[in-house]
Every structure is written in C-alpha cells, then in structure tokens.
Amino acid sequence: YYRNSTADIRFLQRYIYNKEEYAYFDSHKGFFIPKTELGKPDADYWNSQPSVLEEKRAVVERVCKHNYEKIYK
C-alpha cells in the first residue's frame, strides 16, 4: 500500500483461516491486531515477542521501500 512516496508505504499482513481473517499486522500501528476472538491469543502472543515485532516492522524498510524504488523510480 502506498500513496506517493516511500514515507507513505504501509505493510499489511493478513492471517486467514477457513476463509476468515483472524488477525493482521499493520506497520503504521507497529503491532498485530486481532480481528476475531480466535485471533486474540495469537495477536497477544506475537505482540509479546520483541523479535517478531522487530522483524515485521523491518519489512517496510527491507522489502516494501526497496521494491517501491525499483518499480516507481
């Protein structure tokens, strides 16, 4: 997701089971958000793991911005 520059790049990763989204990671918020009651334990666990959060937050810099610059510049 982007608007017009690398400053606006947003990384969203959705977690889906049985055709239903139960949690997602939003780089603008910096943590996992549960979408259902069943997603709450997973989101709580992932949010309690600093290494998991660091890795997901780093995706914006390492992958998203890199790809944006390759494609749009």
Protein backbone atom coordinates (compact mmCIF):
# COMPACT_ATOMS: atom_id res chain seq x y z
CA TYR A 1 0.00 0.00 0.00
CA TYR A 2 1.45 3.38 -0.93
CA ARG A 3 0.23 6.85 -1.87
CA ASN A 4 3.02 8.81 -3.49
CA SER A 5 6.34 8.32 -1.72
CA THR A 6 8.26 5.90 0.43
CA ALA A 7 7.14 7.86 3.51
CA ASP A 8 3.59 6.65 2.93
CA ILE A 9 4.38 2.96 2.45
CA ARG A 10 2.33 0.64 4.62
CA PHE A 11 2.87 -3.07 5.17
CA LEU A 12 -0.21 -5.15 5.97
CA GLN A 13 -0.02 -8.89 6.53
CA ARG A 14 -3.28 -10.72 6.97
CA TYR A 15 -3.71 -14.07 8.72
CA ILE A 16 -6.61 -16.11 7.39
CA TYR A 17 -8.03 -19.44 8.47
CA ASN A 18 -11.02 -21.14 6.88
CA LYS A 19 -11.65 -18.06 4.66
CA GLU A 20 -11.84 -15.73 7.67
CA GLU A 21 -9.26 -13.11 8.62
CA TYR A 22 -8.47 -13.60 12.30
CA ALA A 23 -5.53 -11.20 12.76
CA TYR A 24 -3.30 -8.81 10.85
CA PHE A 25 -0.09 -6.84 11.22
CA ASP A 26 -0.21 -3.13 10.34
CA SER A 27 3.14 -1.35 10.00
CA HIS A 28 1.54 2.03 10.72
CA LYS A 29 0.45 0.78 14.14
CA GLY A 30 3.50 -1.45 14.63
CA PHE A 31 1.73 -4.42 16.15
CA PHE A 32 -0.72 -7.26 15.47
CA ILE A 33 -4.44 -6.60 15.67
CA PRO A 34 -6.94 -9.42 16.28
CA LYS A 35 -9.99 -9.44 14.02
CA THR A 36 -11.86 -12.23 15.85
CA GLU A 37 -11.89 -13.71 19.34
CA LEU A 38 -9.94 -16.66 17.97
CA GLY A 39 -7.24 -14.26 16.73
CA LYS A 40 -6.75 -12.59 20.10
CA PRO A 41 -4.44 -15.26 21.63
CA ASP A 42 -2.21 -15.28 18.53
CA ALA A 43 -2.06 -11.47 18.32
CA ASP A 44 -1.33 -11.22 22.05
CA TYR A 45 1.46 -13.80 21.77
CA TRP A 46 3.06 -12.18 18.70
CA ASN A 47 2.84 -8.74 20.32
CA SER A 48 4.66 -10.10 23.39
CA GLN A 49 7.63 -11.23 21.26
CA PRO A 50 10.03 -8.32 20.58
CA SER A 51 11.88 -10.24 17.86
CA VAL A 52 8.65 -10.91 15.95
CA LEU A 53 7.64 -7.25 16.11
CA GLU A 54 11.11 -6.07 15.06
CA GLU A 55 11.09 -8.41 12.06
CA LYS A 56 7.63 -7.29 10.89
CA ARG A 57 8.47 -3.61 11.37
CA ALA A 58 11.69 -4.06 9.38
CA VAL A 59 9.81 -5.41 6.34
CA VAL A 60 8.78 -1.87 5.37
CA GLU A 61 12.42 -0.78 5.09
CA ARG A 62 13.88 -4.02 3.78
CA VAL A 63 11.23 -5.08 1.26
CA CYS A 64 8.48 -2.52 0.67
CA LYS A 65 10.59 0.62 0.20
CA HIS A 66 13.19 -1.31 -1.79
CA ASN A 67 10.55 -2.62 -4.20
CA TYR A 68 8.87 0.78 -4.49
CA GLU A 69 12.15 2.39 -5.54
CA LYS A 70 12.86 -0.38 -8.07
CA ILE A 71 9.42 -0.12 -9.68
CA TYR A 72 8.46 3.56 -9.44
CA LYS A 73 11.74 5.44 -9.73
